[in-house]
Amino acid sequence: MTELWRVIIGLAEGRRDASQITLFDSVGFAIEDFSALRYIRDQLPSTGLCQQLDMLADPDAPRDLFGMLLRAASAKTAQVAL
């Protein structure tokens, strides 16, 4: 586990390959959490390592965001196969 601030300022290495995951565990201070996430959001486009996702939940399952991502990935795979 690596603290985000260490990665941001270059003291620690972030993900080394696509099989690794990033887990953000907030500290509970809304302004700090918001600031960290906003910084990351602003930096991502220049890395080429991000993908825009539509995170609006399906009306029939508003709490199933993970399922929505799985369905989106399946749909993208089906489009590529066409």
Foldseek 3Di string as FASTA:
>chain_A
DDDPVCCVVVNDPDDPDPVDDDDDDDPPDVVVVVVVVVVCVVPPVVVVPDDDDDQQADPVCRVPSVVVVVVVVVVVVVVVVD
